[in-house]
């Protein structure tokens, strides 16, 4: 599969653990599970430009409190650029990462962890206070083993540490493919609401880890992406259900937290065919978006 090939081409697994890395000892005392992540190589010999031109640039007064990012490492240049621009717009104390559970490993309706991630730029710790609060409000236990292999979270950790070195993370994984379990999604949105009130939006960030339009040819991908664009361009007036991705509950949650007052800027829109020139009949598309509140 294209994504797996891309991983092997541009990323390496770091051989780090608590026992072999003294800097991890504090994190290990607080949370015994340490998750490994990837560190990107310095050179690439294929694909689109390292600094892709943005589709839209938010104005200086725009303040994003949520966003969409791909978790496919093939789109590394876009992920890196999205995080780089976000760091210029604001600081983030904690990233609340909404992540699809890809491998069916979850034993809880919402998988949570108190573990940490070791990336090439250092350790990203879980925000333990927030994790405990969500455990209680969602009535679940920790579901740690999910995150040993969940690339929907681990892919993003090097970028978080690189551009937001002091930030912590709260990762929530669940079944992301449609149809959306609306009552379950409402429960998660309600649990997150206290973290994204007016004050919370200034320090926290809702990070939606998702890819769009899987396994179609170029014609079908374009058709699906046009539906997704309808929502992403106009999130306060178009139904969230138009967005076609592998993390649809997160779009529902964003829409609910946005309370029909979302403004959006689509930084990038591309796909796996444009990046790699391979697998034109098995295309995955990518959107990189910032969301903030409209000025009323």
C-alpha atoms as a PDB file:
ATOM      1  CA  UNK A   1       0.000   0.000   0.000  1.00  0.00           C
ATOM      2  CA  UNK A   2       1.229   3.508  -0.848  1.00  0.00           C
ATOM      3  CA  UNK A   3       1.246   4.829   2.688  1.00  0.00           C
ATOM      4  CA  UNK A   4       3.226   1.891   4.045  1.00  0.00           C
ATOM      5  CA  UNK A   5       5.764   2.320   1.265  1.00  0.00           C
ATOM      6  CA  UNK A   6       6.032   6.020   2.064  1.00  0.00           C
ATOM      7  CA  UNK A   7       6.685   5.260   5.715  1.00  0.00           C
ATOM      8  CA  UNK A   8       9.545   2.963   4.837  1.00  0.00           C
ATOM      9  CA  UNK A   9      11.012   5.522   2.456  1.00  0.00           C
ATOM     10  CA  UNK A  10      11.000   8.699   4.535  1.00  0.00           C
ATOM     11  CA  UNK A  11      10.805   7.719   8.197  1.00  0.00           C
ATOM     12  CA  UNK A  12      12.824   5.606  10.656  1.00  0.00           C
ATOM     13  CA  UNK A  13      11.821   4.253  14.043  1.00  0.00           C
ATOM     14  CA  UNK A  14      13.897   5.609  16.899  1.00  0.00           C
ATOM     15  CA  UNK A  15      15.365   2.920  19.154  1.00  0.00           C
ATOM     16  CA  UNK A  16      14.664   4.679  22.438  1.00  0.00           C
ATOM     17  CA  UNK A  17      13.173   3.525  25.732  1.00  0.00           C
ATOM     18  CA  UNK A  18      13.015   4.574  29.359  1.00  0.00           C
ATOM     19  CA  UNK A  19      15.854   2.244  30.262  1.00  0.00           C
ATOM     20  CA  UNK A  20      18.147   3.698  27.647  1.00  0.00           C
ATOM     21  CA  UNK A  21      17.194   7.344  27.840  1.00  0.00           C
ATOM     22  CA  UNK A  22      17.636   9.145  31.145  1.00  0.00           C
ATOM     23  CA  UNK A  23      15.572  12.096  29.949  1.00  0.00           C
ATOM     24  CA  UNK A  24      12.549   9.793  29.842  1.00  0.00           C
ATOM     25  CA  UNK A  25      12.777   8.816  33.501  1.00  0.00           C
ATOM     26  CA  UNK A  26      10.458  11.495  34.806  1.00  0.00           C
ATOM     27  CA  UNK A  27       7.808  10.675  32.220  1.00  0.00           C
ATOM     28  CA  UNK A  28       8.220   7.006  33.018  1.00  0.00           C
ATOM     29  CA  UNK A  29       7.556   7.596  36.716  1.00  0.00           C
ATOM     30  CA  UNK A  30       4.279   9.326  35.902  1.00  0.00           C
ATOM     31  CA  UNK A  31       3.215   7.043  33.052  1.00  0.00           C
ATOM     32  CA  UNK A  32       4.896   3.682  32.578  1.00  0.00           C
ATOM     33  CA  UNK A  33       4.080   3.285  28.895  1.00  0.00           C
ATOM     34  CA  UNK A  34       6.327   5.186  26.491  1.00  0.00           C
ATOM     35  CA  UNK A  35       5.239   5.241  22.864  1.00  0.00           C
ATOM     36  CA  UNK A  36       7.771   5.390  20.068  1.00  0.00           C
ATOM     37  CA  UNK A  37       7.283   7.628  17.091  1.00  0.00           C
ATOM     38  CA  UNK A  38       9.147   8.475  13.894  1.00  0.00           C
ATOM     39  CA  UNK A  39      11.734  11.088  13.078  1.00  0.00           C
ATOM     40  CA  UNK A  40      11.916  12.203   9.487  1.00  0.00           C
ATOM     41  CA  UNK A  41      15.050  11.924   7.388  1.00  0.00           C
ATOM     42  CA  UNK A  42      16.819  15.061   6.232  1.00  0.00           C
ATOM     43  CA  UNK A  43      16.583  14.442   2.489  1.00  0.00           C
ATOM     44  CA  UNK A  44      13.816  13.493   0.100  1.00  0.00           C
ATOM     45  CA  UNK A  45      14.314  12.561  -3.519  1.00  0.00           C
ATOM     46  CA  UNK A  46      10.748  12.629  -4.824  1.00  0.00           C
ATOM     47  CA  UNK A  47       7.431  14.380  -4.440  1.00  0.00           C
ATOM     48  CA  UNK A  48       6.194  17.948  -4.451  1.00  0.00           C
ATOM     49  CA  UNK A  49       8.221  20.946  -3.169  1.00  0.00           C
ATOM     50  CA  UNK A  50       9.500  21.043   0.401  1.00  0.00           C
ATOM     51  CA  UNK A  51       7.782  24.427   0.814  1.00  0.00           C
ATOM     52  CA  UNK A  52       4.448  24.021  -0.997  1.00  0.00           C
ATOM     53  CA  UNK A  53       2.597  27.273  -1.760  1.00  0.00           C
ATOM     54  CA  UNK A  54      -0.451  27.777   0.462  1.00  0.00           C
ATOM     55  CA  UNK A  55      -3.947  27.794  -0.948  1.00  0.00           C
ATOM     56  CA  UNK A  56      -5.220  30.363   1.589  1.00  0.00           C
ATOM     57  CA  UNK A  57      -3.388  32.437   4.200  1.00  0.00           C
ATOM     58  CA  UNK A  58      -5.298  33.525   7.325  1.00  0.00           C
ATOM     59  CA  UNK A  59      -5.168  37.235   8.160  1.00  0.00           C
ATOM     60  CA  UNK A  60      -3.017  38.380  11.106  1.00  0.00           C
ATOM     61  CA  UNK A  61      -6.041  38.812  13.400  1.00  0.00           C
ATOM     62  CA  UNK A  62      -7.255  35.231  12.891  1.00  0.00           C
ATOM     63  CA  UNK A  63      -6.876  33.000  15.966  1.00  0.00           C
ATOM     64  CA  UNK A  64      -7.194  29.247  15.269  1.00  0.00           C
ATOM     65  CA  UNK A  65      -8.327  26.921  18.054  1.00  0.00           C
ATOM     66  CA  UNK A  66      -8.862  23.804  15.926  1.00  0.00           C
ATOM     67  CA  UNK A  67      -7.430  22.269  12.791  1.00  0.00           C
ATOM     68  CA  UNK A  68      -7.225  19.294  10.443  1.00  0.00           C
ATOM     69  CA  UNK A  69      -3.940  17.545   9.637  1.00  0.00           C
ATOM     70  CA  UNK A  70      -3.105  14.358   7.729  1.00  0.00           C
ATOM     71  CA  UNK A  71      -1.543  11.404   9.553  1.00  0.00           C
ATOM     72  CA  UNK A  72       0.047   9.967   6.387  1.00  0.00           C
ATOM     73  CA  UNK A  73       3.790  10.507   6.387  1.00  0.00           C
ATOM     74  CA  UNK A  74       3.741  10.773   2.618  1.00  0.00           C
ATOM     75  CA  UNK A  75       2.365  14.281   3.219  1.00  0.00           C
ATOM     76  CA  UNK A  76       5.263  15.210   5.524  1.00  0.00           C
ATOM     77  CA  UNK A  77       6.069  18.536   3.826  1.00  0.00           C
ATOM     78  CA  UNK A  78       2.472  19.704   4.234  1.00  0.00           C
ATOM     79  CA  UNK A  79       2.247  18.539   7.850  1.00  0.00           C
ATOM     80  CA  UNK A  80       5.485  20.328   8.689  1.00  0.00           C
ATOM     81  CA  UNK A  81       4.393  23.533   6.967  1.00  0.00           C
ATOM     82  CA  UNK A  82       0.973  23.459   8.669  1.00  0.00           C
ATOM     83  CA  UNK A  83       2.540  23.172  12.135  1.00  0.00           C
ATOM     84  CA  UNK A  84       5.161  25.798  11.314  1.00  0.00           C
ATOM     85  CA  UNK A  85       2.518  28.344  10.330  1.00  0.00           C
ATOM     86  CA  UNK A  86       0.374  27.483  13.364  1.00  0.00           C
ATOM     87  CA  UNK A  87       3.338  28.212  15.652  1.00  0.00           C
ATOM     88  CA  UNK A  88       3.596  31.677  14.116  1.00  0.00           C
ATOM     89  CA  UNK A  89      -0.078  32.378  14.811  1.00  0.00           C
ATOM     90  CA  UNK A  90      -0.279  31.207  18.441  1.00  0.00           C
ATOM     91  CA  UNK A  91       1.194  29.170  21.278  1.00  0.00           C
ATOM     92  CA  UNK A  92      -0.457  25.934  22.441  1.00  0.00           C
ATOM     93  CA  UNK A  93      -0.365  24.549  25.963  1.00  0.00           C
ATOM     94  CA  UNK A  94      -2.099  21.245  25.179  1.00  0.00           C
ATOM     95  CA  UNK A  95      -3.113  19.506  21.971  1.00  0.00           C
ATOM     96  CA  UNK A  96      -6.348  17.509  22.224  1.00  0.00           C
ATOM     97  CA  UNK A  97      -5.876  15.004  19.407  1.00  0.00           C
ATOM     98  CA  UNK A  98      -8.965  13.320  17.986  1.00  0.00           C
ATOM     99  CA  UNK A  99      -7.652  10.169  16.387  1.00  0.00           C
ATOM    100  CA  UNK A 100      -9.293   7.308  14.462  1.00  0.00           C
ATOM    101  CA  UNK A 101      -8.525   3.869  15.877  1.00  0.00           C
ATOM    102  CA  UNK A 102      -7.214   2.148  12.755  1.00  0.00           C
ATOM    103  CA  UNK A 103      -6.552  -1.398  13.837  1.00  0.00           C
ATOM    104  CA  UNK A 104      -9.622  -2.282  15.867  1.00  0.00           C
ATOM    105  CA  UNK A 105      -7.546  -2.585  19.043  1.00  0.00           C
ATOM    106  CA  UNK A 106      -9.701  -0.374  21.230  1.00  0.00           C
ATOM    107  CA  UNK A 107     -11.387  -2.133  24.121  1.00  0.00           C
ATOM    108  CA  UNK A 108     -13.090   1.059  25.311  1.00  0.00           C
ATOM    109  CA  UNK A 109     -15.513   3.256  23.367  1.00  0.00           C
ATOM    110  CA  UNK A 110     -12.909   6.023  23.735  1.00  0.00           C
ATOM    111  CA  UNK A 111      -9.257   5.001  24.111  1.00  0.00           C
ATOM    112  CA  UNK A 112      -7.179   7.176  26.445  1.00  0.00           C
ATOM    113  CA  UNK A 113      -3.594   6.947  27.646  1.00  0.00           C
ATOM    114  CA  UNK A 114      -1.400   8.534  30.303  1.00  0.00           C
ATOM    115  CA  UNK A 115       1.721   7.539  28.352  1.00  0.00           C
ATOM    116  CA  UNK A 116       4.271   9.664  26.525  1.00  0.00           C
ATOM    117  CA  UNK A 117       5.750   9.713  23.031  1.00  0.00           C
ATOM    118  CA  UNK A 118       9.467   9.815  22.286  1.00  0.00           C
ATOM    119  CA  UNK A 119      10.161  11.668  19.052  1.00  0.00           C
ATOM    120  CA  UNK A 120      13.332  12.820  17.354  1.00  0.00           C
ATOM    121  CA  UNK A 121      12.903  16.188  19.051  1.00  0.00           C
ATOM    122  CA  UNK A 122      12.187  14.952  22.574  1.00  0.00           C
ATOM    123  CA  UNK A 123       9.327  13.639  24.682  1.00  0.00           C
ATOM    124  CA  UNK A 124       5.685  14.673  24.376  1.00  0.00           C
ATOM    125  CA  UNK A 125       3.921  13.924  27.668  1.00  0.00           C
ATOM    126  CA  UNK A 126       0.248  13.325  28.177  1.00  0.00           C
ATOM    127  CA  UNK A 127      -1.570  15.974  30.171  1.00  0.00           C
ATOM    128  CA  UNK A 128      -2.371  13.743  33.130  1.00  0.00           C
ATOM    129  CA  UNK A 129      -4.866  16.084  34.785  1.00  0.00           C
ATOM    130  CA  UNK A 130      -6.953  16.332  31.629  1.00  0.00           C
ATOM    131  CA  UNK A 131      -6.722  12.606  30.937  1.00  0.00           C
ATOM    132  CA  UNK A 132      -8.045  11.814  34.430  1.00  0.00           C
ATOM    133  CA  UNK A 133     -10.895  14.280  33.977  1.00  0.00           C
ATOM    134  CA  UNK A 134     -11.876  12.712  30.646  1.00  0.00           C
ATOM    135  CA  UNK A 135     -11.637   9.208  32.117  1.00  0.00           C
ATOM    136  CA  UNK A 136     -14.243  10.215  34.658  1.00  0.00           C
ATOM    137  CA  UNK A 137     -16.574  12.135  32.363  1.00  0.00           C
ATOM    138  CA  UNK A 138     -16.477   9.431  29.644  1.00  0.00           C
ATOM    139  CA  UNK A 139     -16.647   6.600  32.183  1.00  0.00           C
ATOM    140  CA  UNK A 140     -13.759   4.660  30.627  1.00  0.00           C
ATOM    141  CA  UNK A 141     -10.444   3.233  31.761  1.00  0.00           C
ATOM    142  CA  UNK A 142      -7.055   3.695  30.163  1.00  0.00           C
ATOM    143  CA  UNK A 143      -6.623   1.761  26.923  1.00  0.00           C
ATOM    144  CA  UNK A 144      -2.872   2.078  26.485  1.00  0.00           C
ATOM    145  CA  UNK A 145      -1.933  -0.669  24.034  1.00  0.00           C
ATOM    146  CA  UNK A 146      -3.823   1.036  21.208  1.00  0.00           C
ATOM    147  CA  UNK A 147      -1.160   3.722  20.964  1.00  0.00           C
ATOM    148  CA  UNK A 148       1.817   1.424  20.489  1.00  0.00           C
ATOM    149  CA  UNK A 149       0.821   1.106  16.831  1.00  0.00           C
ATOM    150  CA  UNK A 150      -1.633   3.971  16.251  1.00  0.00           C
ATOM    151  CA  UNK A 151      -0.055   6.198  13.593  1.00  0.00           C
ATOM    152  CA  UNK A 152      -2.958   8.631  13.793  1.00  0.00           C
ATOM    153  CA  UNK A 153      -1.306   9.960  16.958  1.00  0.00           C
ATOM    154  CA  UNK A 154       2.377   9.032  16.677  1.00  0.00           C
ATOM    155  CA  UNK A 155       2.797  10.590  13.223  1.00  0.00           C
ATOM    156  CA  UNK A 156       2.078  14.042  14.636  1.00  0.00           C
ATOM    157  CA  UNK A 157       4.257  13.972  17.751  1.00  0.00           C
ATOM    158  CA  UNK A 158       7.585  15.018  16.152  1.00  0.00           C
ATOM    159  CA  UNK A 159       5.922  18.093  14.683  1.00  0.00           C
ATOM    160  CA  UNK A 160       4.308  19.002  18.002  1.00  0.00           C
ATOM    161  CA  UNK A 161       7.636  18.719  19.807  1.00  0.00           C
ATOM    162  CA  UNK A 162       9.512  20.568  17.068  1.00  0.00           C
ATOM    163  CA  UNK A 163       7.216  23.594  16.941  1.00  0.00           C
ATOM    164  CA  UNK A 164       5.604  23.515  20.412  1.00  0.00           C
ATOM    165  CA  UNK A 165       8.348  22.103  22.670  1.00  0.00           C
ATOM    166  CA  UNK A 166       6.472  22.807  25.914  1.00  0.00           C
ATOM    167  CA  UNK A 167       3.090  21.451  24.831  1.00  0.00           C
ATOM    168  CA  UNK A 168       1.452  18.354  26.283  1.00  0.00           C
ATOM    169  CA  UNK A 169      -1.098  16.126  24.592  1.00  0.00           C
ATOM    170  CA  UNK A 170      -4.393  14.387  25.252  1.00  0.00           C
ATOM    171  CA  UNK A 171      -5.058  11.695  22.660  1.00  0.00           C
ATOM    172  CA  UNK A 172      -8.508  10.173  22.217  1.00  0.00           C
ATOM    173  CA  UNK A 173      -8.932   7.296  19.766  1.00  0.00           C
ATOM    174  CA  UNK A 174     -12.213   5.717  18.622  1.00  0.00           C
ATOM    175  CA  UNK A 175     -13.878   4.156  15.596  1.00  0.00           C
ATOM    176  CA  UNK A 176     -13.592   6.812  12.912  1.00  0.00           C
ATOM    177  CA  UNK A 177     -15.164   5.332   9.807  1.00  0.00           C
ATOM    178  CA  UNK A 178     -18.803   6.139   8.976  1.00  0.00           C
ATOM    179  CA  UNK A 179     -21.566   5.781   9.881  1.00  0.00           C
ATOM    180  CA  UNK A 180     -21.084   8.112  12.822  1.00  0.00           C
ATOM    181  CA  UNK A 181     -22.418   6.976  16.181  1.00  0.00           C
ATOM    182  CA  UNK A 182     -24.083  10.294  17.031  1.00  0.00           C
ATOM    183  CA  UNK A 183     -24.875   9.658  20.748  1.00  0.00           C
ATOM    184  CA  UNK A 184     -21.301   8.496  21.319  1.00  0.00           C
ATOM    185  CA  UNK A 185     -19.941  11.553  19.500  1.00  0.00           C
ATOM    186  CA  UNK A 186     -22.228  13.885  21.438  1.00  0.00           C
ATOM    187  CA  UNK A 187     -20.882  12.430  24.693  1.00  0.00           C
ATOM    188  CA  UNK A 188     -17.285  13.089  23.637  1.00  0.00           C
ATOM    189  CA  UNK A 189     -18.101  16.604  22.428  1.00  0.00           C
ATOM    190  CA  UNK A 190     -19.796  17.392  25.737  1.00  0.00           C
ATOM    191  CA  UNK A 191     -16.779  16.031  27.637  1.00  0.00           C
ATOM    192  CA  UNK A 192     -14.460  18.290  25.635  1.00  0.00           C
ATOM    193  CA  UNK A 193     -16.592  21.407  25.893  1.00  0.00           C
ATOM    194  CA  UNK A 194     -15.089  22.604  29.181  1.00  0.00           C
ATOM    195  CA  UNK A 195     -11.618  22.519  27.579  1.00  0.00           C
ATOM    196  CA  UNK A 196     -12.797  24.712  24.714  1.00  0.00           C
ATOM    197  CA  UNK A 197     -14.716  27.521  26.338  1.00  0.00           C
ATOM    198  CA  UNK A 198     -13.530  31.065  25.616  1.00  0.00           C
ATOM    199  CA  UNK A 199     -10.593  30.778  28.005  1.00  0.00           C
ATOM    200  CA  UNK A 200      -9.730  27.200  27.005  1.00  0.00           C
ATOM    201  CA  UNK A 201      -9.437  28.078  23.324  1.00  0.00           C
ATOM    202  CA  UNK A 202      -6.618  30.495  24.154  1.00  0.00           C
ATOM    203  CA  UNK A 203      -4.416  27.724  25.557  1.00  0.00           C
ATOM    204  CA  UNK A 204      -5.725  24.450  24.071  1.00  0.00           C
ATOM    205  CA  UNK A 205      -5.973  23.249  20.479  1.00  0.00           C
ATOM    206  CA  UNK A 206      -8.334  20.665  18.981  1.00  0.00           C
ATOM    207  CA  UNK A 207      -6.220  18.678  16.514  1.00  0.00           C
ATOM    208  CA  UNK A 208      -8.189  16.495  14.107  1.00  0.00           C
ATOM    209  CA  UNK A 209      -6.010  13.712  12.725  1.00  0.00           C
ATOM    210  CA  UNK A 210      -7.590  12.516   9.503  1.00  0.00           C
ATOM    211  CA  UNK A 211      -7.184  11.726   5.823  1.00  0.00           C
ATOM    212  CA  UNK A 212      -9.830  12.071   3.147  1.00  0.00           C
ATOM    213  CA  UNK A 213     -11.225  10.049   0.217  1.00  0.00           C
ATOM    214  CA  UNK A 214      -9.500   6.682   0.456  1.00  0.00           C
ATOM    215  CA  UNK A 215      -9.147   4.078  -2.323  1.00  0.00           C
ATOM    216  CA  UNK A 216     -10.718   5.905  -5.234  1.00  0.00           C
ATOM    217  CA  UNK A 217      -9.461   6.782  -8.711  1.00  0.00           C
ATOM    218  CA  UNK A 218      -8.735  10.401  -9.603  1.00  0.00           C
ATOM    219  CA  UNK A 219     -12.269  11.107 -10.837  1.00  0.00           C
ATOM    220  CA  UNK A 220     -13.951   9.663  -7.744  1.00  0.00           C
ATOM    221  CA  UNK A 221     -11.451  11.407  -5.463  1.00  0.00           C
ATOM    222  CA  UNK A 222     -12.250  14.768  -7.034  1.00  0.00           C
ATOM    223  CA  UNK A 223     -15.987  14.177  -6.612  1.00  0.00           C
ATOM    224  CA  UNK A 224     -15.582  13.225  -2.949  1.00  0.00           C
ATOM    225  CA  UNK A 225     -13.241  16.146  -2.300  1.00  0.00           C
ATOM    226  CA  UNK A 226     -15.730  18.610  -3.756  1.00  0.00           C
ATOM    227  CA  UNK A 227     -18.239  17.399  -1.158  1.00  0.00           C
ATOM    228  CA  UNK A 228     -15.660  17.810   1.597  1.00  0.00           C
ATOM    229  CA  UNK A 229     -14.774  21.277   0.329  1.00  0.00           C
ATOM    230  CA  UNK A 230     -18.406  22.333   0.611  1.00  0.00           C
ATOM    231  CA  UNK A 231     -18.194  21.874   4.382  1.00  0.00           C
ATOM    232  CA  UNK A 232     -14.575  22.901   4.923  1.00  0.00           C
ATOM    233  CA  UNK A 233     -15.142  26.216   3.150  1.00  0.00           C
ATOM    234  CA  UNK A 234     -18.425  26.954   4.947  1.00  0.00           C
ATOM    235  CA  UNK A 235     -18.486  25.006   8.233  1.00  0.00           C
ATOM    236  CA  UNK A 236     -21.156  27.183   9.793  1.00  0.00           C
ATOM    237  CA  UNK A 237     -23.685  26.824   6.986  1.00  0.00           C
ATOM    238  CA  UNK A 238     -23.036  23.402   5.390  1.00  0.00           C
ATOM    239  CA  UNK A 239     -23.652  20.034   7.053  1.00  0.00           C
ATOM    240  CA  UNK A 240     -20.641  18.377   8.703  1.00  0.00           C
ATOM    241  CA  UNK A 241     -21.765  15.128   7.057  1.00  0.00           C
ATOM    242  CA  UNK A 242     -20.472  16.370   3.695  1.00  0.00           C
ATOM    243  CA  UNK A 243     -16.871  15.821   4.783  1.00  0.00           C
ATOM    244  CA  UNK A 244     -15.609  12.420   3.611  1.00  0.00           C
ATOM    245  CA  UNK A 245     -12.741  11.254   5.817  1.00  0.00           C
ATOM    246  CA  UNK A 246     -11.574   8.440   8.106  1.00  0.00           C
ATOM    247  CA  UNK A 247     -12.352  10.472  11.237  1.00  0.00           C
ATOM    248  CA  UNK A 248     -15.905  11.646  10.718  1.00  0.00           C
ATOM    249  CA  UNK A 249     -16.807  11.773  14.446  1.00  0.00           C
ATOM    250  CA  UNK A 250     -14.151  14.476  14.841  1.00  0.00           C
ATOM    251  CA  UNK A 251     -15.867  16.611  12.190  1.00  0.00           C
ATOM    252  CA  UNK A 252     -19.135  16.205  14.083  1.00  0.00           C
ATOM    253  CA  UNK A 253     -17.397  17.177  17.357  1.00  0.00           C
ATOM    254  CA  UNK A 254     -15.746  20.210  15.746  1.00  0.00           C
ATOM    255  CA  UNK A 255     -19.094  21.313  14.372  1.00  0.00           C
ATOM    256  CA  UNK A 256     -20.766  20.913  17.764  1.00  0.00           C
ATOM    257  CA  UNK A 257     -18.030  22.786  19.635  1.00  0.00           C
ATOM    258  CA  UNK A 258     -18.046  25.488  16.959  1.00  0.00           C
ATOM    259  CA  UNK A 259     -21.716  26.264  17.652  1.00  0.00           C
ATOM    260  CA  UNK A 260     -22.401  27.474  14.084  1.00  0.00           C
ATOM    261  CA  UNK A 261     -19.746  30.177  14.442  1.00  0.00           C
ATOM    262  CA  UNK A 262     -16.746  28.614  12.694  1.00  0.00           C
ATOM    263  CA  UNK A 263     -14.475  30.381  10.242  1.00  0.00           C
ATOM    264  CA  UNK A 264     -12.047  28.274   8.216  1.00  0.00           C
ATOM    265  CA  UNK A 265      -8.910  28.622   6.113  1.00  0.00           C
ATOM    266  CA  UNK A 266      -7.742  25.749   3.916  1.00  0.00           C
ATOM    267  CA  UNK A 267      -3.967  25.954   3.846  1.00  0.00           C
ATOM    268  CA  UNK A 268      -3.455  22.967   1.538  1.00  0.00           C
ATOM    269  CA  UNK A 269      -5.429  20.451  -0.491  1.00  0.00           C
ATOM    270  CA  UNK A 270      -3.542  17.700  -2.294  1.00  0.00           C
ATOM    271  CA  UNK A 271      -3.532  13.941  -2.724  1.00  0.00           C
ATOM    272  CA  UNK A 272      -1.226  10.938  -2.790  1.00  0.00           C
ATOM    273  CA  UNK A 273      -1.113  10.833  -6.589  1.00  0.00           C
ATOM    274  CA  UNK A 274       0.059  14.446  -6.843  1.00  0.00           C
ATOM    275  CA  UNK A 275       2.779  13.840  -4.256  1.00  0.00           C
ATOM    276  CA  UNK A 276       4.086  10.486  -5.493  1.00  0.00           C
ATOM    277  CA  UNK A 277       2.853  10.032  -9.082  1.00  0.00           C
ATOM    278  CA  UNK A 278       1.965   6.473  -8.107  1.00  0.00           C
ATOM    279  CA  UNK A 279      -1.206   4.425  -7.531  1.00  0.00           C
ATOM    280  CA  UNK A 280      -3.605   6.581  -9.532  1.00  0.00           C
ATOM    281  CA  UNK A 281      -6.416   4.089  -8.877  1.00  0.00           C
ATOM    282  CA  UNK A 282      -5.862   4.022  -5.092  1.00  0.00           C
ATOM    283  CA  UNK A 283      -5.758   7.686  -4.124  1.00  0.00           C
ATOM    284  CA  UNK A 284      -5.951   9.278  -0.690  1.00  0.00           C
ATOM    285  CA  UNK A 285      -6.603  13.015  -0.468  1.00  0.00           C
ATOM    286  CA  UNK A 286      -5.380  15.468   2.161  1.00  0.00           C
ATOM    287  CA  UNK A 287      -6.753  18.706   3.583  1.00  0.00           C
ATOM    288  CA  UNK A 288      -4.865  20.974   5.981  1.00  0.00           C
ATOM    289  CA  UNK A 289      -7.227  23.436   7.623  1.00  0.00           C
ATOM    290  CA  UNK A 290      -7.380  25.989  10.453  1.00  0.00           C
ATOM    291  CA  UNK A 291     -10.624  26.806  12.271  1.00  0.00           C
ATOM    292  CA  UNK A 292     -11.435  29.742  14.492  1.00  0.00           C
ATOM    293  CA  UNK A 293     -14.449  31.751  15.648  1.00  0.00           C
ATOM    294  CA  UNK A 294     -16.141  34.193  13.339  1.00  0.00           C
ATOM    295  CA  UNK A 295     -16.032  37.813  14.414  1.00  0.00           C
ATOM    296  CA  UNK A 296     -19.636  38.699  15.193  1.00  0.00           C
END
